[in-house]
């Protein structure tokens, strides 16, 4: 399924899945690390789900976002 960038702030970016039932948000922490959240609504055909991972740098965060966009991290 396709993803599009839906929000873009100074310290965060959010992508929304084309059906609107899931989002991925990447944000920078105050300590310089990064957090990536995957949030799937309970209305989604595959059911609700949430996952959060903390990574050390932007490159790792971007790799995680890309992985979650191609393979649902809840399944």
N, C-alpha and C. Protein backbone atom coordinates (compact mmCIF):
# COMPACT_ATOMS: atom_id res chain seq x y z
N UNK A 1 0.85 -1.17 0.00
CA UNK A 1 0.00 0.00 0.00
C UNK A 1 0.90 1.24 0.00
N UNK A 2 0.44 2.29 -0.61
CA UNK A 2 1.22 3.53 -0.72
C UNK A 2 1.09 4.38 0.55
N UNK A 3 2.12 5.18 0.80
CA UNK A 3 2.16 6.12 1.91
C UNK A 3 2.44 7.51 1.37
N UNK A 4 1.87 8.53 2.01
CA UNK A 4 2.17 9.91 1.61
C UNK A 4 2.49 10.73 2.86
N UNK A 5 3.37 11.68 2.67
CA UNK A 5 3.76 12.56 3.77
C UNK A 5 2.58 13.47 4.08
N UNK A 6 2.10 13.43 5.32
CA UNK A 6 0.90 14.19 5.68
C UNK A 6 1.20 15.37 6.60
N UNK A 7 2.30 15.29 7.35
CA UNK A 7 2.72 16.40 8.22
C UNK A 7 4.23 16.50 8.17
N UNK A 8 4.72 17.71 8.25
CA UNK A 8 6.16 17.91 8.19
C UNK A 8 6.51 19.08 9.09
N UNK A 9 7.08 18.79 10.25
CA UNK A 9 7.48 19.83 11.19
C UNK A 9 9.00 19.87 11.32
N UNK A 10 9.48 20.74 12.16
CA UNK A 10 10.92 20.85 12.34
C UNK A 10 11.53 19.60 12.95
N UNK A 11 10.85 19.01 13.90
CA UNK A 11 11.41 17.85 14.60
C UNK A 11 10.62 16.57 14.34
N UNK A 12 9.63 16.61 13.46
CA UNK A 12 8.86 15.40 13.19
C UNK A 12 8.35 15.38 11.75
N UNK A 13 8.07 14.16 11.28
CA UNK A 13 7.43 13.95 9.98
C UNK A 13 6.42 12.82 10.18
N UNK A 14 5.26 12.95 9.54
CA UNK A 14 4.25 11.91 9.63
C UNK A 14 3.83 11.49 8.23
N UNK A 15 3.65 10.17 8.04
CA UNK A 15 3.16 9.62 6.79
C UNK A 15 1.83 8.94 7.06
N UNK A 16 0.90 9.03 6.11
CA UNK A 16 -0.40 8.39 6.22
C UNK A 16 -0.55 7.36 5.12
N UNK A 17 -1.03 6.18 5.49
CA UNK A 17 -1.27 5.12 4.51
C UNK A 17 -2.42 5.54 3.61
N UNK A 18 -2.40 5.12 2.36
CA UNK A 18 -3.39 5.58 1.39
C UNK A 18 -4.83 5.33 1.78
N UNK A 19 -5.10 4.30 2.58
CA UNK A 19 -6.48 4.06 3.01
C UNK A 19 -6.87 4.88 4.24
N UNK A 20 -5.90 5.59 4.83
CA UNK A 20 -6.17 6.46 5.97
C UNK A 20 -6.24 5.75 7.31
N UNK A 21 -6.00 4.45 7.35
CA UNK A 21 -6.15 3.69 8.59
C UNK A 21 -4.86 3.54 9.39
N UNK A 22 -3.74 4.06 8.88
CA UNK A 22 -2.48 3.92 9.62
C UNK A 22 -1.59 5.13 9.38
N UNK A 23 -0.79 5.45 10.39
CA UNK A 23 0.19 6.53 10.28
C UNK A 23 1.52 6.06 10.86
N UNK A 24 2.58 6.66 10.34
CA UNK A 24 3.92 6.47 10.88
C UNK A 24 4.44 7.87 11.17
N UNK A 25 4.98 8.05 12.36
CA UNK A 25 5.54 9.35 12.74
C UNK A 25 6.96 9.16 13.23
N UNK A 26 7.85 9.98 12.68
CA UNK A 26 9.25 10.01 13.09
C UNK A 26 9.51 11.34 13.77
N UNK A 27 10.03 11.30 15.00
CA UNK A 27 10.31 12.56 15.69
C UNK A 27 11.64 12.49 16.42
N UNK A 28 12.25 13.65 16.56
CA UNK A 28 13.51 13.73 17.28
C UNK A 28 13.26 13.99 18.75
N UNK A 29 13.99 13.30 19.59
CA UNK A 29 13.90 13.48 21.04
C UNK A 29 14.78 14.64 21.47
N UNK A 30 14.55 15.13 22.67
CA UNK A 30 15.34 16.23 23.21
C UNK A 30 16.81 15.85 23.38
N UNK A 31 17.08 14.55 23.60
CA UNK A 31 18.46 14.10 23.78
C UNK A 31 19.17 13.82 22.46
N UNK A 32 18.51 14.10 21.34
CA UNK A 32 19.12 13.91 20.02
C UNK A 32 18.78 12.58 19.37
N UNK A 33 18.22 11.63 20.12
CA UNK A 33 17.80 10.35 19.56
C UNK A 33 16.50 10.52 18.77
N UNK A 34 16.02 9.44 18.22
CA UNK A 34 14.80 9.47 17.40
C UNK A 34 13.83 8.41 17.87
N UNK A 35 12.53 8.68 17.68
CA UNK A 35 11.47 7.73 17.99
C UNK A 35 10.60 7.60 16.75
N UNK A 36 10.23 6.36 16.43
CA UNK A 36 9.33 6.10 15.31
C UNK A 36 8.11 5.38 15.87
N UNK A 37 6.92 5.90 15.55
CA UNK A 37 5.65 5.34 16.00
C UNK A 37 4.88 4.81 14.79
N UNK A 38 4.26 3.66 14.94
CA UNK A 38 3.33 3.13 13.95
C UNK A 38 1.99 3.00 14.66
N UNK A 39 0.95 3.60 14.10
CA UNK A 39 -0.37 3.59 14.74
C UNK A 39 -1.41 3.19 13.70
N UNK A 40 -2.07 2.06 13.94
CA UNK A 40 -3.12 1.59 13.04
C UNK A 40 -4.45 1.66 13.77
N UNK A 41 -5.43 2.31 13.18
CA UNK A 41 -6.74 2.51 13.80
C UNK A 41 -7.50 1.20 13.97
N UNK A 42 -8.37 1.15 14.96
CA UNK A 42 -9.16 -0.06 15.18
C UNK A 42 -10.13 -0.33 14.04
N UNK A 43 -10.46 0.69 13.22
CA UNK A 43 -11.35 0.51 12.09
C UNK A 43 -10.65 -0.17 10.90
N UNK A 44 -9.34 -0.29 10.95
CA UNK A 44 -8.60 -0.90 9.85
C UNK A 44 -9.04 -2.35 9.66
N UNK A 45 -9.09 -2.82 8.42
CA UNK A 45 -9.51 -4.20 8.17
C UNK A 45 -8.70 -5.24 8.95
N UNK A 46 -7.41 -4.97 9.17
CA UNK A 46 -6.56 -5.91 9.89
C UNK A 46 -6.56 -5.67 11.40
N UNK A 47 -7.37 -4.72 11.87
CA UNK A 47 -7.47 -4.44 13.30
C UNK A 47 -6.48 -3.39 13.76
N UNK A 48 -6.61 -2.98 15.00
CA UNK A 48 -5.77 -1.92 15.53
C UNK A 48 -4.39 -2.44 15.92
N UNK A 49 -3.47 -1.51 16.02
CA UNK A 49 -2.13 -1.88 16.46
C UNK A 49 -1.29 -0.64 16.69
N UNK A 50 -0.30 -0.79 17.54
CA UNK A 50 0.60 0.32 17.85
C UNK A 50 1.98 -0.24 18.12
N UNK A 51 2.98 0.45 17.60
CA UNK A 51 4.36 0.06 17.87
C UNK A 51 5.21 1.32 17.96
N UNK A 52 6.17 1.30 18.86
CA UNK A 52 7.07 2.43 19.07
C UNK A 52 8.47 1.90 19.26
N UNK A 53 9.41 2.50 18.53
CA UNK A 53 10.81 2.12 18.70
C UNK A 53 11.67 3.36 18.78
N UNK A 54 12.68 3.27 19.63
CA UNK A 54 13.65 4.36 19.79
C UNK A 54 14.94 3.94 19.10
N UNK A 55 15.51 4.85 18.30
CA UNK A 55 16.77 4.58 17.60
C UNK A 55 17.74 5.73 17.83
N UNK A 56 19.00 5.48 17.54
CA UNK A 56 20.05 6.45 17.89
C UNK A 56 20.17 7.63 16.93
N UNK A 57 19.89 7.41 15.63
CA UNK A 57 20.14 8.49 14.68
C UNK A 57 19.09 8.54 13.58
N UNK A 58 19.15 9.62 12.79
CA UNK A 58 18.17 9.85 11.74
C UNK A 58 18.22 8.75 10.68
N UNK A 59 19.40 8.29 10.33
CA UNK A 59 19.51 7.23 9.32
C UNK A 59 18.77 5.96 9.76
N UNK A 60 18.94 5.57 11.02
CA UNK A 60 18.25 4.40 11.54
C UNK A 60 16.74 4.63 11.57
N UNK A 61 16.32 5.84 11.91
CA UNK A 61 14.89 6.16 11.93
C UNK A 61 14.30 6.06 10.53
N UNK A 62 15.01 6.60 9.53
CA UNK A 62 14.52 6.54 8.15
C UNK A 62 14.45 5.09 7.65
N UNK A 63 15.42 4.27 8.02
CA UNK A 63 15.40 2.86 7.64
C UNK A 63 14.21 2.15 8.26
N UNK A 64 13.89 2.47 9.50
CA UNK A 64 12.75 1.87 10.17
C UNK A 64 11.44 2.30 9.52
N UNK A 65 11.32 3.58 9.20
CA UNK A 65 10.12 4.07 8.51
C UNK A 65 9.93 3.32 7.19
N UNK A 66 10.99 3.19 6.42
CA UNK A 66 10.91 2.50 5.12
C UNK A 66 10.50 1.04 5.30
N UNK A 67 11.08 0.39 6.30
CA UNK A 67 10.73 -1.02 6.56
C UNK A 67 9.26 -1.15 6.94
N UNK A 68 8.77 -0.25 7.79
CA UNK A 68 7.38 -0.33 8.22
C UNK A 68 6.41 0.03 7.11
N UNK A 69 6.84 0.82 6.15
CA UNK A 69 5.97 1.16 5.03
C UNK A 69 5.82 -0.02 4.06
N UNK A 70 6.81 -0.90 4.04
CA UNK A 70 6.74 -2.04 3.11
C UNK A 70 6.25 -3.32 3.77
N UNK A 71 6.31 -3.38 5.10
CA UNK A 71 5.86 -4.57 5.83
C UNK A 71 5.27 -4.13 7.16
N UNK A 72 4.00 -4.39 7.36
CA UNK A 72 3.29 -3.98 8.58
C UNK A 72 4.02 -4.52 9.81
N UNK A 73 4.47 -3.66 10.73
CA UNK A 73 5.24 -4.13 11.89
C UNK A 73 4.40 -4.82 12.96
N UNK A 74 3.09 -4.82 12.82
CA UNK A 74 2.22 -5.42 13.81
C UNK A 74 1.95 -6.89 13.48
N UNK A 75 2.02 -7.24 12.21
CA UNK A 75 1.69 -8.62 11.80
C UNK A 75 2.70 -9.62 12.30
